[in-house]
């Protein structure tokens, strides 16, 4: 059980209400409080600013938070609620306001807005910005049209899927995945990728043709590479298995990029967990990693982006 709250970022849209329901269930699972945060729209912030500048307490505060009443009504007539629900009305830009309030949170949950006409993409600009900069894990819950379960993925149904770079993924990412699997009573399915050795090329005696010969690629390193990746996985996972003996673990090493496999698993996984960026790339600490970016853009289910911590235990972002 953690004292850190689960934060649900809401704006009254169906996207955010879906995220609110996910956050409510997460708070119940973890036995912690639920903080419902709403960043006021520009016109409400302008009104509040003018009212404060004029020191005019006689002016009504009805524009302070137009979403609050609707959320309270929905929760009042809904399913089981966690103990300790609080509401925060925030000012400023959405990414900055949520970044500030996210300090010390167990996780921050928000919906996807997918603007710009690309209906097949998951991530809107606010979701991307928050996932990139928040000091806590950010769970992005896709809109209903993106959540399309695939019967062919039944073997991973309900599992917490962890994208693991054995050499670089910080312990915080693994700890989050195991904690989620533990409170859900489910399995951690670990996916890592290994590099495929490039095939030799055959240069034809022609100024125009350079082509790879069929049948000349040496696959002899594929099995050792997979075996080495599974060994590295096992080494990284060992302390977390010790801390969570109740959590079964499935391991998979795949050739090439792990993003495609993680997106496939997201169709039926309870949650996909990825790290935000590689801690060694401190000059690029505000950039989301390529795997995390691809999974957020195309996932069919909830994705948790967990920030990497620097050596001194603080988030470089």
Foldseek 3Di string as FASTA:
>chain_A
DDAFAEEQEDDQDPQSVVQVVVRQVVCVLVLYEYEYEYEQDPVLVVVVVVCVVVVPPVDDSCSQHPRVVVVVVDVVPDDDGHPHYHYYYHYDDLQVRQQVVLVRHQEYEGEADPDDPPVQWFHDPSLQSNLLRHQFKYKYFGDPVLQAADPVLVVQAAAEEEEDDLVFDDPVLVLSRLVVCLSSLEAYEYEYEFEQDDFDWDDDPDPPDIGRDPPRGDCVCVVVRFVVVVVSVCVSCVVVCVVCVSHHYHYGYYYDDCLVVLQNSLNRYQEYTYEQDGQVPLVPSSHGDPSVVSCNTRHNGMYIYGYDAHPVGGGSD
